[in-house]
Amino acid sequence: MAGMPSVFPPFLKTSIPKSEFAVYRALSNNLSDEWLVIYSPRWTKVNKDGRIYSGEADFLVYHPAHGMLLIEVKGGGIKYLPETNEWFTTNASGDSYSIKDPFEQASGNLRSVVKILCDQQELSSLPVTYGHAIMFTSMRDLGDFSHPQNQGGIVATATELPFIEDWIVAVLEGWKGREHDCDLSAAQFGELLQHTFVPALDIPPQLGADIATERLTFQELSGEQFDLLDGLHAVPNVAVRGGAGTGKTILAMKKALNLALSGVPTLLTCYNKALAKWMKARLESMLERNNQLWLMKSGMLTVSNLHNYALSKLDIDTQRIDWDTIPKLLKSEMADTPEDFIRALIIDEGQDFGADWWDVIRDLQLPDDPILWIFHDPNQSIYQSEDEVAKVPGMVPFELTRNYRNTKSIHNELMPLFEGKALTAIGPSGRTPERIQLKPGQSSLEVVCELIERLVDTEKVPAHEIAILTPTRKHSELFVKQIAGIETQKSGEVELDKIIVETIFSFKGQERPVIILCEMHKQEYADTRRLRYTAISRASHHLIEVIE
């Protein structure tokens, strides 16, 4: 006998029943190399009622010239009670245990296998001979065992084990006549069996799945941080400092909401227009669900970036305005018409405001019992040369030290860029950030197109969970209508299945699961360390940086 059969699995990692091991060894050692042997083929099907069920045979053997045979193996003695139609197996001590009808089990498995294969190839029947057989490995002689289904030698004993190939060939000869002609050759049928019951599988982990899983492991803001709002509720002026991901924006929103619900007219504001739009949309959605939208409609809670709020107080032509003059104009307006309603100012991303703004912010508050809470991160001071919050008089400082946004891998990228008390990352480990070097003559847009195709098509990341950030709009090649065939959008109100393309400045205070950082060599308006820190911290799960 030349060669050995193709056996799956080629070796057994776990113990199997003694009876099945005897057959496995006999098949492995006594069949020629043209045979395919599959031990314990399994399948799952859905019946006509929509219910899922699974099946399993002991052995499937196949030879291109002889056909396919399913073998059901039973160890121990066998007992059948026709008056109750019950089958039993008995061990060496004479103990009996109920088992399934081996003939029905074998024929039922065969029907399932044939249906699976026919459905896959849209066949009415298989192109090869096929049948079922039974082997009782604890017997050498069946004696006077007679059963209407025990015909054609389909039942074997341990006596046939050394001659198992002859027995299988003889049984398949008896099953001939069930095959029919079709376009599937015998060799192709063997490949089909292997593909169906022992398919090769090589699916790498997908970032989209990692993101979905990691979201479940990220902790929400701790009770300890929300206790900050309660513990300091009586303190009117608080400067909350915290690095990226420490929950400043959520805490600012919560503080503003608590004040408004307490009857304190409150303005929640920031420098960045897109961030203000996001905070307002999120609060509106929450208030609408709780039938509390009246807070915004009544003006008890106002959410706006400070520029737009100032413009609402000024009667000027916004088409011709010099935006740098707004603080001065607003201060002049407040001198003539003081604010008579807003009692609390909650400012997020306070480091974005220059000294001219802080000079006028006090004028927006009533002189009696004003409330000012500022949330800021000096490491993200990319609009100003320094964080002016530290110069605001009368503020009680409080520091946040836990990063709830970024994975530990991204957090580790941030820490060398961070100045201040070190933060502790609470999130999952995450993937290692990627660095992609541009090749000579290669454009950032070309590389980004390849990245988007990989992320969306292979890694299964939804397009709207990706943001492409650049320090510049004027000199960037990335602000196009489509990238890799997917529409782009600005930040703020994010639409599904569109990629965000934005400047780092406009994306401050926001986040996405995946950030692609590009064109850092083109930045010319801010401190590079702070700008990189701001950009990298926007990525909650994965960071890719394209480097020139």
Protein backbone atom coordinates (compact mmCIF):
# COMPACT_ATOMS: atom_id res chain seq x y z
CA MET A 1 0.00 0.00 0.00
CA ALA A 2 1.51 3.33 -1.11
CA GLY A 3 1.35 6.42 1.06
CA MET A 4 -1.08 7.39 3.77
CA PRO A 5 -4.58 8.85 3.61
CA SER A 6 -5.38 12.52 4.19
CA VAL A 7 -6.73 12.49 7.73
CA PHE A 8 -8.40 15.42 9.50
CA PRO A 9 -7.45 16.10 12.16
CA PRO A 10 -4.01 14.59 11.44
CA PHE A 11 -3.50 13.97 15.16
CA LEU A 12 -5.81 14.05 18.15
CA LYS A 13 -5.27 16.73 20.80
CA THR A 14 -7.84 15.37 23.23
CA SER A 15 -8.91 11.91 24.29
CA ILE A 16 -11.75 10.32 22.37
CA PRO A 17 -13.84 7.22 23.07
CA LYS A 18 -11.85 4.00 22.87
CA SER A 19 -14.13 2.66 20.17
CA GLU A 20 -13.65 5.71 17.93
CA PHE A 21 -9.89 5.74 18.51
CA ALA A 22 -9.66 2.14 17.29
CA VAL A 23 -11.39 3.09 14.03
CA TYR A 24 -9.35 6.31 13.70
CA ARG A 25 -6.13 4.32 14.00
CA ALA A 26 -7.32 1.64 11.58
CA LEU A 27 -8.30 4.23 8.96
CA SER A 28 -5.04 6.17 9.39
CA ASN A 29 -2.85 3.07 9.11
CA ASN A 30 -4.71 0.91 6.59
CA LEU A 31 -6.01 3.22 3.85
CA SER A 32 -4.06 4.28 0.77
CA ASP A 33 -3.16 7.90 -0.03
CA GLU A 34 -6.19 8.49 -2.27
CA TRP A 35 -8.55 8.35 0.70
CA LEU A 36 -9.84 11.36 2.60
CA VAL A 37 -10.77 10.72 6.24
CA ILE A 38 -12.64 13.29 8.34
CA TYR A 39 -13.12 12.45 11.99
CA SER A 40 -16.20 13.89 13.69
CA PRO A 41 -17.52 16.11 10.85
CA ARG A 42 -20.03 18.59 12.28
CA TRP A 43 -22.64 20.92 10.85
CA THR A 44 -25.38 23.34 11.82
CA LYS A 45 -28.62 23.69 9.90
CA VAL A 46 -31.87 25.60 10.04
CA ASN A 47 -35.04 23.56 9.55
CA LYS A 48 -38.14 24.71 7.71
CA ASP A 49 -39.56 26.14 10.93
CA GLY A 50 -36.52 28.36 11.30
CA ARG A 51 -35.06 26.41 14.21
CA ILE A 52 -31.33 25.80 14.43
CA TYR A 53 -30.01 22.32 15.09
CA SER A 54 -26.60 20.72 14.87
CA GLY A 55 -25.40 17.32 13.74
CA GLU A 56 -22.26 15.22 13.93
CA ALA A 57 -21.10 11.96 12.38
CA ASP A 58 -18.29 9.75 13.68
CA PHE A 59 -16.35 9.33 10.42
CA LEU A 60 -16.65 10.48 6.82
CA VAL A 61 -14.39 8.67 4.33
CA TYR A 62 -14.09 9.36 0.63
CA HIS A 63 -12.27 7.91 -2.38
CA PRO A 64 -12.60 9.39 -5.90
CA ALA A 65 -13.12 5.97 -7.44
CA HIS A 66 -15.36 4.43 -4.76
CA GLY A 67 -17.38 7.22 -3.20
CA MET A 68 -18.30 8.59 0.22
CA LEU A 69 -19.22 6.58 3.31
CA LEU A 70 -20.42 7.81 6.71
CA ILE A 71 -19.49 5.41 9.51
CA GLU A 72 -21.25 5.32 12.87
CA VAL A 73 -19.15 3.71 15.62
CA LYS A 74 -20.53 1.96 18.72
CA GLY A 75 -18.50 0.45 21.53
CA GLY A 76 -19.65 -2.04 24.16
CA GLY A 77 -22.28 -4.72 23.77
CA ILE A 78 -25.46 -3.96 21.87
CA LYS A 79 -29.02 -4.74 22.93
CA TYR A 80 -32.23 -4.02 21.04
CA LEU A 81 -35.77 -4.43 22.44
CA PRO A 82 -38.18 -4.59 19.50
CA GLU A 83 -41.27 -4.42 21.73
CA THR A 84 -40.25 -0.92 22.87
CA ASN A 85 -37.97 -0.05 19.94
CA GLU A 86 -35.14 0.78 22.33
CA TRP A 87 -31.40 0.37 21.90
CA PHE A 88 -28.87 -0.11 24.67
CA THR A 89 -25.13 -0.48 25.02
CA THR A 90 -23.69 -2.68 27.76
CA ASN A 91 -20.26 -2.41 29.35
CA ALA A 92 -17.99 -5.20 30.63
CA SER A 93 -19.83 -5.16 33.98
CA GLY A 94 -23.17 -5.75 32.30
CA ASP A 95 -24.52 -2.25 32.96
CA SER A 96 -26.84 -1.00 30.22
CA TYR A 97 -27.24 2.53 28.90
CA SER A 98 -29.81 3.78 26.43
CA ILE A 99 -28.45 4.90 23.04
CA LYS A 100 -29.89 6.17 19.80
CA ASP A 101 -30.87 3.73 17.08
CA PRO A 102 -27.47 3.34 15.31
CA PHE A 103 -29.10 2.63 11.95
CA GLU A 104 -31.36 5.67 12.13
CA GLN A 105 -28.49 7.77 13.43
CA ALA A 106 -26.24 6.75 10.54
CA SER A 107 -28.88 7.18 7.83
CA GLY A 108 -30.07 10.50 9.32
CA ASN A 109 -26.53 11.86 9.35
CA LEU A 110 -26.11 10.77 5.75
CA ARG A 111 -29.29 12.60 4.72
CA SER A 112 -28.07 15.78 6.42
CA VAL A 113 -24.64 15.62 4.79
CA VAL A 114 -26.10 14.96 1.34
CA LYS A 115 -28.53 17.87 1.71
CA ILE A 116 -25.78 20.25 2.84
CA LEU A 117 -23.57 19.34 -0.13
CA CYS A 118 -26.42 19.43 -2.65
CA ASP A 119 -27.64 22.80 -1.39
CA GLN A 120 -24.14 24.26 -1.67
CA GLN A 121 -23.75 23.18 -5.29
CA GLU A 122 -27.44 23.35 -6.26
CA LEU A 123 -27.48 19.62 -7.11
CA SER A 124 -30.39 17.19 -7.10
CA SER A 125 -28.04 14.42 -5.95
CA LEU A 126 -24.32 13.79 -5.51
CA PRO A 127 -22.03 12.87 -8.43
CA VAL A 128 -20.47 9.98 -6.45
CA THR A 129 -21.61 6.82 -4.72
CA TYR A 130 -22.58 7.48 -1.11
CA GLY A 131 -23.94 5.51 1.80
CA HIS A 132 -23.72 4.78 5.51
CA ALA A 133 -22.32 1.96 7.62
CA ILE A 134 -21.96 0.91 11.27
CA MET A 135 -19.05 -0.57 13.16
CA PHE A 136 -19.30 -2.36 16.53
CA THR A 137 -15.73 -2.31 17.82
CA SER A 138 -16.33 -4.39 20.97
CA MET A 139 -17.42 -7.46 19.01
CA ARG A 140 -15.66 -9.87 16.69
CA ASP A 141 -18.77 -11.78 15.68
CA LEU A 142 -22.38 -10.64 15.34
CA GLY A 143 -23.70 -14.14 15.93
CA ASP A 144 -27.33 -14.44 14.91
CA PHE A 145 -27.85 -10.65 15.00
CA SER A 146 -30.51 -9.92 12.42
CA HIS A 147 -32.08 -6.60 11.70
CA PRO A 148 -33.96 -5.45 8.59
CA GLN A 149 -31.37 -2.70 8.03
CA ASN A 150 -28.40 -5.02 8.49
CA GLN A 151 -28.00 -5.76 4.81
CA GLY A 152 -25.17 -5.64 2.29
CA GLY A 153 -22.49 -5.97 4.96
CA ILE A 154 -22.97 -2.41 6.20
CA VAL A 155 -22.39 -3.60 9.79
CA ALA A 156 -18.82 -4.51 10.74
CA THR A 157 -16.98 -5.61 13.87
CA ALA A 158 -13.42 -5.45 15.19
CA THR A 159 -12.60 -8.33 12.84
CA GLU A 160 -12.74 -5.90 9.88
CA LEU A 161 -10.43 -3.28 11.42
CA PRO A 162 -7.18 -4.65 9.88
CA PHE A 163 -8.98 -4.95 6.53
CA ILE A 164 -11.02 -1.77 6.82
CA GLU A 165 -10.29 -0.60 3.26
CA ASP A 166 -11.64 -3.83 1.76
CA TRP A 167 -14.75 -3.57 3.90
CA ILE A 168 -15.40 0.10 2.96
CA VAL A 169 -14.94 -0.62 -0.77
CA ALA A 170 -17.33 -3.59 -0.54
CA VAL A 171 -19.97 -1.53 1.28
CA LEU A 172 -19.74 1.30 -1.27
CA GLU A 173 -20.11 -1.25 -4.08
CA GLY A 174 -23.42 -2.13 -2.51
CA TRP A 175 -24.50 1.50 -2.43
CA LYS A 176 -23.75 2.10 -6.12
CA GLY A 177 -26.50 3.54 -8.26
CA ARG A 178 -27.26 6.59 -6.09
CA GLU A 179 -24.89 8.91 -7.94
CA HIS A 180 -25.77 10.99 -11.00
CA ASP A 181 -23.87 12.90 -13.66
CA CYS A 182 -23.12 16.58 -13.05
CA ASP A 183 -20.43 19.16 -13.74
CA LEU A 184 -18.66 18.38 -10.47
CA SER A 185 -15.78 15.93 -10.90
CA ALA A 186 -14.75 13.35 -8.31
CA ALA A 187 -11.64 15.38 -7.49
CA GLN A 188 -13.69 18.55 -7.09
CA PHE A 189 -16.09 16.67 -4.85
CA GLY A 190 -13.21 15.74 -2.54
CA GLU A 191 -12.22 19.42 -2.35
CA LEU A 192 -15.85 20.27 -1.58
CA LEU A 193 -15.91 17.81 1.33
CA GLN A 194 -12.75 19.25 2.77
CA HIS A 195 -13.91 22.85 2.30
CA THR A 196 -17.28 22.07 3.89
CA PHE A 197 -16.26 20.07 6.94
CA VAL A 198 -12.62 21.02 7.59
CA PRO A 199 -12.31 24.48 6.00
CA ALA A 200 -9.07 26.40 6.31
CA LEU A 201 -9.64 29.64 8.18
CA ASP A 202 -7.39 32.67 8.48
CA ILE A 203 -9.28 35.80 9.54
CA PRO A 204 -7.11 38.40 11.28
CA PRO A 205 -8.60 40.46 14.11
CA GLN A 206 -10.62 43.38 12.77
CA LEU A 207 -10.27 46.83 14.25
CA GLY A 208 -14.01 47.42 13.94
CA ALA A 209 -14.66 44.48 16.25
CA ASP A 210 -11.91 45.59 18.62
CA ILE A 211 -13.55 49.00 18.88
CA ALA A 212 -16.96 47.51 19.63
CA THR A 213 -15.45 45.25 22.29
CA GLU A 214 -13.27 47.92 23.85
CA ARG A 215 -16.24 50.26 24.18
CA LEU A 216 -17.71 47.81 26.64
CA THR A 217 -14.56 47.84 28.75
CA PHE A 218 -14.16 51.62 28.92
CA GLN A 219 -15.33 52.87 32.27
CA GLU A 220 -17.71 55.78 32.40
CA LEU A 221 -16.78 58.77 34.50
CA SER A 222 -16.30 57.44 37.99
CA GLY A 223 -18.61 58.25 40.86
CA GLU A 224 -15.57 59.91 42.39
CA GLN A 225 -15.53 62.50 39.61
CA PHE A 226 -19.26 63.14 39.72
CA ASP A 227 -18.85 63.58 43.48
CA LEU A 228 -16.74 66.59 42.49
CA LEU A 229 -19.90 68.32 41.34
CA ASP A 230 -21.63 67.62 44.63
CA GLY A 231 -18.66 68.22 46.91
CA LEU A 232 -17.90 71.61 45.34
CA HIS A 233 -21.47 72.62 44.56
CA ALA A 234 -21.32 75.53 47.01
CA VAL A 235 -18.03 76.86 45.61
CA PRO A 236 -18.89 79.53 43.04
CA ASN A 237 -15.58 79.79 41.22
CA VAL A 238 -13.72 76.57 40.33
CA ALA A 239 -10.96 75.94 37.78
CA VAL A 240 -10.99 72.24 36.86
CA ARG A 241 -7.74 71.24 35.18
CA GLY A 242 -7.43 67.90 33.44
CA GLY A 243 -5.61 66.29 30.56
CA ALA A 244 -7.31 65.01 27.43
CA GLY A 245 -9.79 62.25 28.12
CA THR A 246 -10.34 63.09 31.79
CA GLY A 247 -14.01 63.91 31.20
CA LYS A 248 -13.91 67.70 31.40
CA THR A 249 -16.57 68.25 28.73
CA ILE A 250 -19.00 65.76 30.25
CA LEU A 251 -18.49 67.28 33.69
CA ALA A 252 -18.99 70.78 32.27
CA MET A 253 -22.27 69.70 30.68
CA LYS A 254 -23.38 68.01 33.91
CA LYS A 255 -22.54 71.08 36.00
CA ALA A 256 -24.41 73.40 33.62
CA LEU A 257 -27.44 71.11 33.65
CA ASN A 258 -27.46 70.85 37.45
CA LEU A 259 -27.37 74.64 37.79
CA ALA A 260 -30.16 75.17 35.26
CA LEU A 261 -32.34 72.57 36.98
CA SER A 262 -31.71 74.40 40.24
CA GLY A 263 -33.15 77.60 38.76
CA VAL A 264 -29.84 79.29 37.95
CA PRO A 265 -29.78 80.81 34.43
CA THR A 266 -26.65 79.24 32.94
CA LEU A 267 -24.49 79.71 29.86
CA LEU A 268 -22.43 76.68 28.81
CA THR A 269 -19.83 77.95 26.40
CA CYS A 270 -16.49 77.27 24.74
CA TYR A 271 -14.27 78.70 22.00
CA ASN A 272 -14.79 75.99 19.40
CA LYS A 273 -17.98 76.25 17.33
CA ALA A 274 -18.14 72.52 16.48
CA LEU A 275 -17.73 71.53 20.14
CA ALA A 276 -20.54 73.89 21.19
CA LYS A 277 -22.75 72.42 18.49
CA TRP A 278 -22.01 68.90 19.72
CA MET A 279 -22.70 69.77 23.37
CA LYS A 280 -25.97 71.48 22.48
CA ALA A 281 -27.17 68.56 20.34
CA ARG A 282 -26.34 66.03 23.05
CA LEU A 283 -28.05 68.03 25.79
CA GLU A 284 -31.11 68.69 23.61
CA SER A 285 -31.46 64.97 22.91
CA MET A 286 -31.20 64.08 26.60
CA LEU A 287 -33.61 66.83 27.72
CA GLU A 288 -36.14 65.84 25.05
CA ARG A 289 -36.14 62.24 26.30
CA ASN A 290 -36.77 63.49 29.84
CA ASN A 291 -39.42 66.06 28.85
CA GLN A 292 -37.14 68.87 30.05
CA LEU A 293 -36.50 70.69 26.79
CA TRP A 294 -38.17 73.73 28.37
CA LEU A 295 -34.82 74.45 30.05
CA MET A 296 -33.36 75.49 26.71
CA LYS A 297 -36.50 77.03 25.27
CA SER A 298 -36.87 79.28 28.32
CA GLY A 299 -33.21 80.33 28.23
CA MET A 300 -32.52 78.78 31.61
CA LEU A 301 -29.79 76.76 29.85
CA THR A 302 -27.99 78.31 26.90
CA VAL A 303 -25.32 76.42 24.95
CA SER A 304 -23.21 78.40 22.47
CA ASN A 305 -19.63 79.11 21.62
CA LEU A 306 -18.66 82.47 23.05
CA HIS A 307 -18.21 84.19 19.70
CA ASN A 308 -21.78 83.41 18.63
CA TYR A 309 -23.12 84.38 22.05
CA ALA A 310 -21.33 87.71 21.78
CA LEU A 311 -22.75 88.27 18.30
CA SER A 312 -26.25 87.73 19.69
CA LYS A 313 -25.61 90.74 21.94
CA LEU A 314 -24.11 92.92 19.21
CA ASP A 315 -25.90 94.58 16.32
CA ILE A 316 -23.15 94.32 13.72
CA ASP A 317 -22.62 93.02 10.20
CA THR A 318 -20.98 89.61 10.57
CA GLN A 319 -19.83 89.71 6.95
CA ARG A 320 -17.45 92.61 7.60
CA ILE A 321 -16.50 92.02 11.20
CA ASP A 322 -12.93 91.61 12.37
CA TRP A 323 -13.33 88.61 14.66
CA ASP A 324 -10.43 89.69 16.86
CA THR A 325 -12.38 92.78 17.87
CA ILE A 326 -15.37 90.89 19.27
CA PRO A 327 -14.14 90.85 22.92
CA LYS A 328 -13.59 94.63 22.86
CA LEU A 329 -16.98 95.29 21.23
CA LEU A 330 -18.72 92.99 23.69
CA LYS A 331 -17.07 94.69 26.68
CA SER A 332 -18.26 98.03 25.40
CA GLU A 333 -21.77 96.65 24.92
CA MET A 334 -21.81 95.21 28.44
CA ALA A 335 -20.79 98.60 29.84
CA ASP A 336 -23.83 100.22 28.21
CA THR A 337 -26.25 97.29 28.65
CA PRO A 338 -25.12 94.99 31.48
CA GLU A 339 -26.14 91.34 31.48
CA ASP A 340 -29.27 91.06 33.64
CA PHE A 341 -30.09 87.37 33.36
CA ILE A 342 -27.14 84.95 33.17
CA ARG A 343 -25.90 84.08 36.66
CA ALA A 344 -23.60 81.15 35.89
CA LEU A 345 -20.91 80.69 33.28
CA ILE A 346 -19.58 77.20 32.60
CA ILE A 347 -16.62 77.36 30.24
CA ASP A 348 -15.16 74.28 28.57
CA GLU A 349 -11.72 74.26 26.93
CA GLY A 350 -10.91 77.46 28.83
CA GLN A 351 -7.30 77.43 27.66
CA ASP A 352 -8.51 78.51 24.20
CA PHE A 353 -9.42 82.02 25.39
CA GLY A 354 -6.90 84.84 25.42
CA ALA A 355 -6.53 87.62 27.99
CA ASP A 356 -8.94 89.90 26.07
CA TRP A 357 -11.73 87.37 26.51
CA TRP A 358 -11.15 86.90 30.23
CA ASP A 359 -11.30 90.65 30.59
CA VAL A 360 -14.89 90.65 29.34
CA ILE A 361 -16.17 87.32 30.74
CA ARG A 362 -16.77 88.84 34.18
CA ASP A 363 -19.01 91.46 32.57
CA LEU A 364 -21.33 88.68 31.36
CA GLN A 365 -22.26 87.84 34.97
CA LEU A 366 -24.51 89.52 37.45
CA PRO A 367 -22.51 91.25 40.17
CA ASP A 368 -24.34 89.39 42.95
CA ASP A 369 -23.26 85.79 43.63
CA PRO A 370 -21.84 85.03 40.15
CA ILE A 371 -20.83 81.46 39.36
CA LEU A 372 -17.86 80.70 37.13
CA TRP A 373 -16.57 77.17 36.48
CA ILE A 374 -13.72 76.77 34.02
CA PHE A 375 -12.57 73.43 32.60
CA HIS A 376 -9.17 73.61 30.95
CA ASP A 377 -6.03 71.77 29.84
CA PRO A 378 -2.88 73.87 29.36
CA ASN A 379 -1.44 71.09 27.18
CA GLN A 380 -4.11 71.85 24.56
CA SER A 381 -3.49 75.58 24.44
CA ILE A 382 -3.00 75.76 20.68
CA TYR A 383 -4.83 79.05 20.06
CA GLN A 384 -2.87 80.93 22.75
CA SER A 385 0.79 81.00 23.67
CA GLU A 386 -0.13 80.21 27.27
CA ASP A 387 -3.11 79.15 29.34
CA GLU A 388 -4.65 82.36 30.72
CA VAL A 389 -6.95 80.47 33.12
CA ALA A 390 -4.21 80.43 35.75
CA LYS A 391 -4.41 84.26 35.88
CA VAL A 392 -8.16 84.42 36.53
CA PRO A 393 -8.48 85.68 40.13
CA GLY A 394 -10.46 84.00 42.88
CA MET A 395 -10.62 80.51 41.33
CA VAL A 396 -10.45 77.35 43.45
CA PRO A 397 -8.26 74.80 41.60
CA PHE A 398 -9.19 71.15 41.16
CA GLU A 399 -7.27 68.57 39.13
CA LEU A 400 -8.53 65.47 37.24
CA THR A 401 -5.95 62.72 36.85
CA ARG A 402 -7.69 59.78 35.14
CA ASN A 403 -7.86 59.28 31.38
CA TYR A 404 -11.19 57.69 30.46
CA ARG A 405 -11.06 58.23 26.70
CA ASN A 406 -7.92 56.66 25.23
CA THR A 407 -6.64 53.14 25.20
CA LYS A 408 -3.46 52.59 27.17
CA SER A 409 -1.46 52.39 23.91
CA ILE A 410 -2.61 55.85 22.84
CA HIS A 411 -2.24 57.17 26.39
CA ASN A 412 1.41 56.08 26.34
CA GLU A 413 1.89 58.13 23.17
CA LEU A 414 0.46 61.17 24.93
CA MET A 415 2.44 61.13 28.13
CA PRO A 416 5.80 62.26 26.65
CA LEU A 417 3.92 65.29 25.29
CA PHE A 418 2.07 65.99 28.54
CA GLU A 419 3.14 68.58 31.10
CA GLY A 420 1.66 68.44 34.59
CA LYS A 421 0.66 65.74 37.05
CA ALA A 422 0.80 62.39 35.27
CA LEU A 423 -2.51 60.87 34.20
CA THR A 424 -3.62 57.28 34.82
CA ALA A 425 -5.18 55.41 31.88
CA ILE A 426 -8.34 53.50 32.81
CA GLY A 427 -9.21 52.01 29.39
CA PRO A 428 -8.20 48.75 27.65
CA SER A 429 -4.73 48.13 26.21
CA GLY A 430 -5.68 48.71 22.56
CA ARG A 431 -3.60 48.43 19.41
CA THR A 432 -0.16 49.92 19.00
CA PRO A 433 -0.39 53.21 17.03
CA GLU A 434 0.79 53.01 13.41
CA ARG A 435 3.38 55.18 11.73
CA ILE A 436 3.35 55.26 7.91
CA GLN A 437 6.22 56.95 6.11
CA LEU A 438 5.44 58.64 2.80
CA LYS A 439 7.54 57.31 -0.06
CA PRO A 440 9.29 59.74 -2.42
CA GLY A 441 6.68 61.29 -4.69
CA GLN A 442 3.78 59.79 -2.73
CA SER A 443 1.02 62.14 -1.57
CA SER A 444 -0.77 62.09 1.77
CA LEU A 445 -4.10 61.70 -0.03
CA GLU A 446 -2.85 58.60 -1.84
CA VAL A 447 -1.81 56.95 1.43
CA VAL A 448 -5.03 58.00 3.17
CA CYS A 449 -7.09 56.42 0.37
CA GLU A 450 -5.29 53.12 0.93
CA LEU A 451 -5.81 53.42 4.69
CA ILE A 452 -9.53 54.09 4.33
CA GLU A 453 -9.96 51.11 2.02
CA ARG A 454 -8.21 48.90 4.58
CA LEU A 455 -10.07 50.28 7.58
CA VAL A 456 -13.54 50.17 6.04
CA ASP A 457 -13.34 47.10 3.78
CA THR A 458 -10.95 44.83 5.69
CA GLU A 459 -11.02 46.09 9.28
CA LYS A 460 -14.81 46.74 9.14
CA VAL A 461 -14.62 50.15 10.81
CA PRO A 462 -17.71 52.28 10.01
CA ALA A 463 -16.67 55.31 7.98
CA HIS A 464 -18.16 57.80 10.44
CA GLU A 465 -15.92 56.44 13.20
CA ILE A 466 -12.84 57.69 11.33
CA ALA A 467 -11.53 61.24 11.40
CA ILE A 468 -8.67 62.55 9.26
CA LEU A 469 -6.95 65.46 10.98
CA THR A 470 -4.52 68.00 9.58
CA PRO A 471 -3.15 71.23 11.07
CA THR A 472 -4.04 73.26 8.00
CA ARG A 473 -6.94 73.72 5.61
CA LYS A 474 -5.25 76.22 3.31
CA HIS A 475 -2.30 74.01 2.37
CA SER A 476 -3.97 70.60 2.69
CA GLU A 477 -4.79 68.19 -0.13
CA LEU A 478 -7.24 66.22 2.04
CA PHE A 479 -10.32 68.43 1.91
CA VAL A 480 -11.98 66.69 -1.01
CA LYS A 481 -15.55 65.50 -1.51
CA GLN A 482 -14.68 61.80 -1.49
CA ILE A 483 -11.84 59.63 -0.24
CA ALA A 484 -11.66 56.03 -1.46
CA GLY A 485 -15.17 56.45 -2.86
CA ILE A 486 -16.61 57.49 0.54
CA GLU A 487 -18.09 60.95 1.08
CA THR A 488 -16.37 63.28 3.53
CA GLN A 489 -17.89 65.62 6.08
CA LYS A 490 -16.94 68.26 8.64
CA SER A 491 -17.11 67.64 12.38
CA GLY A 492 -20.06 68.59 14.56
CA GLU A 493 -23.24 66.83 13.46
CA VAL A 494 -21.75 63.59 12.16
CA GLU A 495 -23.61 61.72 9.42
CA LEU A 496 -23.41 57.95 9.19
CA ASP A 497 -21.05 56.33 6.70
CA LYS A 498 -19.14 59.51 5.92
CA ILE A 499 -15.52 60.21 6.87
CA ILE A 500 -14.67 63.30 8.91
CA VAL A 501 -11.95 65.53 7.47
CA GLU A 502 -11.10 68.41 9.75
CA THR A 503 -8.33 70.60 11.07
CA ILE A 504 -6.95 69.81 14.51
CA PHE A 505 -8.08 73.28 15.63
CA SER A 506 -11.70 72.71 14.61
CA PHE A 507 -11.77 69.20 16.04
CA LYS A 508 -10.71 70.25 19.55
CA GLY A 509 -12.89 68.77 22.29
CA GLN A 510 -14.21 66.01 20.05
CA GLU A 511 -13.12 62.41 19.51
CA ARG A 512 -13.39 59.47 17.12
CA PRO A 513 -12.44 55.78 17.54
CA VAL A 514 -9.86 56.09 14.74
CA ILE A 515 -7.77 59.16 13.98
CA ILE A 516 -5.54 59.49 10.91
CA LEU A 517 -3.10 62.34 11.54
CA CYS A 518 -1.54 63.87 8.45
CA GLU A 519 0.53 66.80 7.19
CA MET A 520 2.04 67.76 10.53
CA HIS A 521 5.03 69.09 8.57
CA LYS A 522 2.73 71.79 7.18
CA GLN A 523 1.78 73.24 10.58
CA GLU A 524 3.01 76.77 11.21
CA TYR A 525 0.62 78.42 13.66
CA ALA A 526 0.96 76.60 16.99
CA ASP A 527 3.31 74.94 19.42
CA THR A 528 4.07 71.56 17.81
CA ARG A 529 4.07 69.65 21.10
CA ARG A 530 0.65 70.96 22.09
CA LEU A 531 -0.74 70.46 18.61
CA ARG A 532 0.42 66.84 18.48
CA TYR A 533 -0.91 66.24 21.98
CA THR A 534 -4.29 67.69 21.01
CA ALA A 535 -4.49 65.67 17.78
CA ILE A 536 -3.36 62.32 19.20
CA SER A 537 -5.70 62.61 22.18
CA ARG A 538 -8.71 62.74 19.82
CA ALA A 539 -8.24 59.01 19.06
CA SER A 540 -10.08 56.84 21.56
CA HIS A 541 -9.12 53.43 20.10
CA HIS A 542 -6.53 53.66 17.32
CA LEU A 543 -4.09 56.20 15.92
CA ILE A 544 -2.46 56.22 12.49
CA GLU A 545 0.07 58.92 11.68
CA VAL A 546 1.22 59.60 8.13
CA ILE A 547 4.71 61.05 8.21
CA GLU A 548 6.55 62.86 5.41
